[in-house]
Amino acid sequence: MKRTTKCLHRIALILFLIWIMPENVLAVTINKSDDSPYMKKVEDADKACGEGKWREAERAILAALKMEPANPSNVLLMSNLGMIRFNMGQDSLAIATLTDAHIMAPASVTILSNRAKVLSANGYEDEAYKDYCLILELDSMVTTPRLHRCLIALRKHDFKTAKADFEFMEKNFPKDIETNIAGASVLSGTGDFNGAIPYYTRVLTERKESEYYGGRAYCHLLSGNLQDASDDINSALELNPDDGELYLYRAALNKMRFRPDDARADAQKAVGLGIAPQRAQQFLGK
């Protein structure tokens, strides 16, 4: 849907959070001058969000909603308000706000994505999964929600759905990082550790993060690539030296290298960093 440059400029003031709404989901026209009181409050909210001043942003949006309760752009403000409240730690209120926004605009992928994010962060994975399914019914070509559904399905041991989502992404978006994350997760999660390694490698070309070094290290361990596993564990520990899971991996590596004392020390470190003792018991010895 075409919009004028002026209209796009004004709408950009509202879309200041992580997910940007596709044009074919929710078209909003703000027929206000840039210095209107309503738009001034939107600008104030934008500025406050940029500075991490969530309480000020909330007040500005609530003021804008009160000024013009019938303004069609209010649904976008409601979506942003939900995420602001999430950032403030008001999780239940955030979910309720995003649910109200969803009722106002049931075809909005942005609102559903925001609600799914908050639901998932609060442990409501079944509810988040339903939102991701709704999103994909509305727009099957969005990759981030499909990745999230894939990962939840994998955690639920719904391997059929996880594999189907990964295969869809690989067919349609083979170069996207979301596809490579899905491939690494699905293949390692279903026991194809050698197959997962190239996907982790492609992810790491873009995101040199501890999580992905650790994932590839785990695959190298179970594939018998001990030096590669060691290199990845060291890279991961440089980025996150307090990750107990990495010390557990290194304990396994040291056991495979017949270094029981080093394995024991790493297992003790892992337990000290929160790893369940029963997971480390095989490395602790008597």
Protein backbone atom coordinates (compact mmCIF):
# COMPACT_ATOMS: atom_id res chain seq x y z
CA MET A 1 0.00 0.00 0.00
CA LYS A 2 1.47 3.40 -0.99
CA ARG A 3 1.77 6.18 1.48
CA THR A 4 3.10 9.69 1.04
CA THR A 5 6.58 10.53 2.30
CA LYS A 6 5.04 12.87 4.86
CA CYS A 7 2.76 10.18 6.19
CA LEU A 8 5.63 7.68 6.40
CA HIS A 9 7.65 10.19 8.39
CA ARG A 10 4.89 10.54 10.95
CA ILE A 11 4.20 6.83 11.22
CA ALA A 12 7.92 6.21 11.84
CA LEU A 13 7.55 8.14 15.09
CA ILE A 14 5.16 5.48 16.35
CA LEU A 15 7.03 2.37 15.25
CA PHE A 16 9.91 2.77 17.65
CA LEU A 17 10.17 -0.74 19.08
CA ILE A 18 11.86 -3.89 17.85
CA TRP A 19 9.30 -5.24 15.35
CA ILE A 20 8.31 -3.11 12.37
CA MET A 21 4.86 -3.73 11.02
CA PRO A 22 4.59 -4.85 7.37
CA GLU A 23 2.60 -2.43 5.25
CA ASN A 24 0.05 -5.07 4.28
CA VAL A 25 -0.87 -5.80 7.89
CA LEU A 26 -2.16 -2.56 9.27
CA ALA A 27 -2.40 0.68 7.33
CA VAL A 28 -2.64 3.79 9.50
CA THR A 29 -2.90 7.36 8.30
CA ILE A 30 -2.30 10.18 10.75
CA ASN A 31 -3.97 13.29 9.42
CA LYS A 32 -2.41 15.59 11.96
CA SER A 33 0.07 18.41 11.75
CA ASP A 34 3.50 17.59 13.13
CA ASP A 35 3.03 19.96 16.07
CA SER A 36 -0.37 18.67 17.17
CA PRO A 37 -0.65 17.81 20.88
CA TYR A 38 -1.27 14.16 19.99
CA MET A 39 1.87 13.91 17.84
CA LYS A 40 3.84 15.84 20.46
CA LYS A 41 3.03 13.09 22.97
CA VAL A 42 4.02 10.43 20.45
CA GLU A 43 7.34 12.23 19.96
CA ASP A 44 7.79 12.46 23.72
CA ALA A 45 7.20 8.72 24.01
CA ASP A 46 9.67 8.07 21.20
CA LYS A 47 12.34 10.18 22.89
CA ALA A 48 11.74 8.59 26.30
CA CYS A 49 12.01 5.09 24.81
CA GLY A 50 15.26 5.99 23.13
CA GLU A 51 16.61 7.00 26.53
CA GLY A 52 15.19 3.98 28.33
CA LYS A 53 12.82 6.15 30.39
CA TRP A 54 9.94 3.69 30.32
CA ARG A 55 7.76 5.42 32.92
CA GLU A 56 7.90 8.69 30.99
CA ALA A 57 7.14 6.86 27.75
CA GLU A 58 4.13 5.16 29.36
CA ARG A 59 2.77 8.48 30.60
CA ALA A 60 3.20 10.09 27.18
CA ILE A 61 1.35 7.28 25.38
CA LEU A 62 -1.46 7.23 27.93
CA ALA A 63 -1.83 10.99 27.47
CA ALA A 64 -1.99 10.60 23.68
CA LEU A 65 -4.62 7.86 23.98
CA LYS A 66 -6.69 10.07 26.28
CA MET A 67 -6.44 13.03 23.94
CA GLU A 68 -7.78 11.20 20.89
CA PRO A 69 -9.41 7.92 21.90
CA ALA A 70 -10.82 7.40 18.40
CA ASN A 71 -7.55 7.92 16.54
CA PRO A 72 -6.97 4.82 14.36
CA SER A 73 -3.24 4.90 15.10
CA ASN A 74 -3.95 4.17 18.75
CA VAL A 75 -3.65 0.46 18.10
CA LEU A 76 0.04 1.01 17.32
CA LEU A 77 0.44 3.01 20.50
CA MET A 78 -1.23 0.21 22.43
CA SER A 79 1.23 -2.30 20.99
CA ASN A 80 4.15 -0.10 21.98
CA LEU A 81 2.60 0.50 25.39
CA GLY A 82 2.53 -3.24 25.94
CA MET A 83 6.25 -3.52 25.19
CA ILE A 84 7.05 -0.51 27.36
CA ARG A 85 5.27 -2.17 30.27
CA PHE A 86 7.18 -5.36 29.55
CA ASN A 87 10.43 -3.40 29.78
CA MET A 88 9.18 -1.98 33.08
CA GLY A 89 8.70 -5.48 34.47
CA GLN A 90 4.91 -5.24 34.45
CA ASP A 91 4.49 -8.52 32.62
CA SER A 92 0.84 -9.29 33.37
CA LEU A 93 -0.20 -5.75 32.45
CA ALA A 94 1.90 -5.96 29.29
CA ILE A 95 0.12 -9.15 28.20
CA ALA A 96 -3.27 -7.60 28.95
CA THR A 97 -2.37 -4.45 26.97
CA LEU A 98 -1.17 -6.45 23.98
CA THR A 99 -4.31 -8.59 24.13
CA ASP A 100 -6.42 -5.43 23.98
CA ALA A 101 -4.36 -4.28 21.00
CA HIS A 102 -4.85 -7.67 19.32
CA ILE A 103 -8.62 -7.37 19.75
CA MET A 104 -8.44 -3.94 18.08
CA ALA A 105 -6.34 -5.27 15.18
CA PRO A 106 -6.56 -9.07 14.97
CA ALA A 107 -4.63 -9.16 11.67
CA SER A 108 -1.58 -7.33 13.02
CA VAL A 109 1.54 -9.48 12.88
CA THR A 110 3.43 -6.90 14.94
CA ILE A 111 1.03 -7.08 17.87
CA LEU A 112 0.97 -10.87 17.86
CA SER A 113 4.78 -10.96 17.65
CA ASN A 114 5.05 -8.61 20.61
CA ARG A 115 2.58 -10.63 22.66
CA ALA A 116 4.32 -13.89 21.78
CA LYS A 117 7.64 -12.42 22.89
CA VAL A 118 6.21 -11.40 26.28
CA LEU A 119 4.38 -14.69 26.74
CA SER A 120 7.50 -16.69 25.96
CA ALA A 121 9.64 -14.58 28.29
CA ASN A 122 7.20 -15.36 31.09
CA GLY A 123 7.19 -19.09 30.50
CA TYR A 124 3.85 -19.27 28.67
CA GLU A 125 5.28 -21.21 25.74
CA ASP A 126 2.01 -22.92 24.77
CA GLU A 127 0.29 -19.54 24.45
CA ALA A 128 3.27 -18.05 22.59
CA TYR A 129 3.23 -21.04 20.25
CA LYS A 130 -0.43 -20.35 19.41
CA ASP A 131 0.41 -16.72 18.60
CA TYR A 132 3.24 -17.78 16.31
CA CYS A 133 0.86 -20.15 14.54
CA LEU A 134 -1.62 -17.28 14.07
CA ILE A 135 1.15 -15.09 12.68
CA LEU A 136 2.11 -17.72 10.12
CA GLU A 137 -1.51 -18.08 9.08
CA LEU A 138 -1.56 -14.33 8.42
CA ASP A 139 1.83 -14.23 6.69
CA SER A 140 3.62 -17.49 5.97
CA MET A 141 6.75 -15.71 4.72
CA VAL A 142 7.88 -14.05 7.96
CA THR A 143 11.04 -15.77 9.15
CA THR A 144 11.51 -14.68 12.77
CA PRO A 145 8.12 -15.96 14.02
CA ARG A 146 8.67 -19.20 12.11
CA LEU A 147 12.05 -19.62 13.79
CA HIS A 148 10.50 -19.05 17.19
CA ARG A 149 7.77 -21.60 16.47
CA CYS A 150 10.41 -24.04 15.26
CA LEU A 151 12.42 -23.66 18.47
CA ILE A 152 9.38 -24.03 20.74
CA ALA A 153 8.28 -27.12 18.80
CA LEU A 154 11.77 -28.55 19.24
CA ARG A 155 11.63 -27.98 23.00
CA LYS A 156 8.22 -29.66 23.07
CA HIS A 157 9.68 -32.64 21.15
CA ASP A 158 7.32 -31.87 18.28
CA PHE A 159 10.02 -32.78 15.80
CA LYS A 160 7.62 -32.99 12.87
CA THR A 161 6.68 -29.30 13.15
CA ALA A 162 10.25 -28.22 13.90
CA LYS A 163 11.60 -30.03 10.85
CA ALA A 164 8.79 -28.73 8.63
CA ASP A 165 9.50 -25.14 9.69
CA PHE A 166 13.23 -25.55 9.09
CA GLU A 167 12.67 -27.15 5.67
CA PHE A 168 10.28 -24.33 4.69
CA MET A 169 12.88 -21.74 5.70
CA GLU A 170 15.69 -23.53 3.88
CA LYS A 171 13.61 -23.75 0.71
CA ASN A 172 12.49 -20.11 0.75
CA PHE A 173 15.21 -18.27 2.67
CA PRO A 174 18.38 -20.39 2.42
CA LYS A 175 20.77 -17.52 3.18
CA ASP A 176 18.93 -16.01 6.16
CA ILE A 177 20.53 -16.30 9.57
CA GLU A 178 17.19 -17.45 10.99
CA THR A 179 17.35 -20.44 8.64
CA ASN A 180 20.85 -21.32 9.81
CA ILE A 181 19.83 -21.02 13.47
CA ALA A 182 16.88 -23.30 12.76
CA GLY A 183 19.11 -25.78 10.95
CA ALA A 184 21.68 -25.85 13.73
CA SER A 185 18.98 -26.29 16.37
CA VAL A 186 16.86 -28.90 14.59
CA LEU A 187 19.76 -31.05 13.40
CA SER A 188 21.59 -31.01 16.73
CA GLY A 189 18.31 -31.49 18.58
CA THR A 190 17.51 -34.60 16.55
CA GLY A 191 20.98 -36.14 16.80
CA ASP A 192 22.55 -35.12 13.48
CA PHE A 193 25.55 -33.42 15.08
CA ASN A 194 27.78 -33.52 12.01
CA GLY A 195 24.98 -32.05 9.93
CA ALA A 196 24.43 -29.22 12.40
CA ILE A 197 28.05 -28.02 12.40
CA PRO A 198 27.96 -26.16 9.01
CA TYR A 199 24.81 -24.32 10.12
CA TYR A 200 26.48 -23.20 13.35
CA THR A 201 29.49 -22.10 11.32
CA ARG A 202 27.32 -19.95 9.06
CA VAL A 203 25.59 -18.42 12.09
CA LEU A 204 28.97 -17.60 13.63
CA THR A 205 30.06 -15.65 10.56
CA GLU A 206 27.39 -13.12 11.53
CA ARG A 207 26.99 -13.60 15.27
CA LYS A 208 30.11 -14.47 17.20
CA GLU A 209 28.21 -15.24 20.39
CA SER A 210 28.89 -17.65 23.22
CA GLU A 211 25.62 -19.50 22.64
CA TYR A 212 26.58 -20.50 19.10
CA TYR A 213 30.20 -21.35 19.89
CA GLY A 214 28.87 -23.54 22.70
CA GLY A 215 26.35 -25.21 20.41
CA ARG A 216 28.99 -26.00 17.82
CA ALA A 217 31.37 -27.21 20.54
CA TYR A 218 28.70 -29.65 21.73
CA CYS A 219 28.30 -30.98 18.19
CA HIS A 220 32.06 -31.32 17.77
CA LEU A 221 32.27 -33.21 21.06
CA LEU A 222 29.64 -35.71 20.03
CA SER A 223 31.21 -36.05 16.59
CA GLY A 224 34.64 -36.77 18.07
CA ASN A 225 36.25 -33.54 16.83
CA LEU A 226 38.06 -32.85 20.08
CA GLN A 227 40.40 -30.05 18.99
CA ASP A 228 37.57 -28.19 17.27
CA ALA A 229 35.45 -28.64 20.39
CA SER A 230 38.28 -27.26 22.53
CA ASP A 231 38.70 -24.21 20.28
CA ASP A 232 34.96 -23.44 20.39
CA ILE A 233 34.75 -23.89 24.17
CA ASN A 234 37.66 -21.49 24.63
CA SER A 235 36.05 -18.94 22.30
CA ALA A 236 32.76 -19.24 24.16
CA LEU A 237 34.40 -18.88 27.58
CA GLU A 238 36.19 -15.72 26.45
CA LEU A 239 32.78 -14.24 25.72
CA ASN A 240 30.96 -15.70 28.73
CA PRO A 241 33.29 -16.96 31.46
CA ASP A 242 30.41 -17.58 33.90
CA ASP A 243 28.46 -20.09 31.80
CA GLY A 244 28.38 -23.35 33.75
CA GLU A 245 27.28 -25.31 30.69
CA LEU A 246 30.58 -24.53 28.98
CA TYR A 247 32.57 -25.89 31.92
CA LEU A 248 30.46 -29.03 31.75
CA TYR A 249 31.38 -29.37 28.08
CA ARG A 250 35.04 -28.88 28.96
CA ALA A 251 34.73 -31.50 31.69
CA ALA A 252 33.45 -33.94 29.07
CA LEU A 253 36.27 -32.95 26.74
CA ASN A 254 38.88 -33.52 29.44
CA LYS A 255 37.40 -36.90 30.29
CA MET A 256 37.62 -37.88 26.62
CA ARG A 257 41.25 -36.76 26.67
CA PHE A 258 41.90 -38.92 29.77
CA ARG A 259 42.44 -35.96 32.09
CA PRO A 260 40.28 -36.94 35.08
CA ASP A 261 41.64 -34.26 37.43
CA ASP A 262 40.95 -31.49 34.91
CA ALA A 263 37.50 -32.97 34.23
CA ARG A 264 36.76 -32.99 37.97
CA ALA A 265 37.85 -29.36 38.36
CA ASP A 266 35.68 -28.24 35.46
CA ALA A 267 32.70 -30.21 36.77
CA GLN A 268 33.07 -28.57 40.18
CA LYS A 269 33.23 -25.17 38.49
CA ALA A 270 30.09 -26.00 36.50
CA VAL A 271 28.19 -26.96 39.66
CA GLY A 272 29.37 -23.77 41.34
CA LEU A 273 27.87 -21.83 38.43
CA GLY A 274 24.47 -23.48 38.78
CA ILE A 275 24.66 -26.75 36.85
CA ALA A 276 22.69 -29.51 38.58
CA PRO A 277 25.14 -31.81 40.46
CA GLN A 278 23.58 -34.93 38.97
CA ARG A 279 24.53 -33.73 35.49
CA ALA A 280 28.14 -33.33 36.54
CA GLN A 281 28.36 -36.46 38.69
CA GLN A 282 30.03 -38.63 36.04
CA PHE A 283 32.96 -36.21 35.96
CA LEU A 284 33.27 -35.67 39.72
CA GLY A 285 34.34 -39.18 40.60
CA LYS A 286 34.26 -40.34 44.20
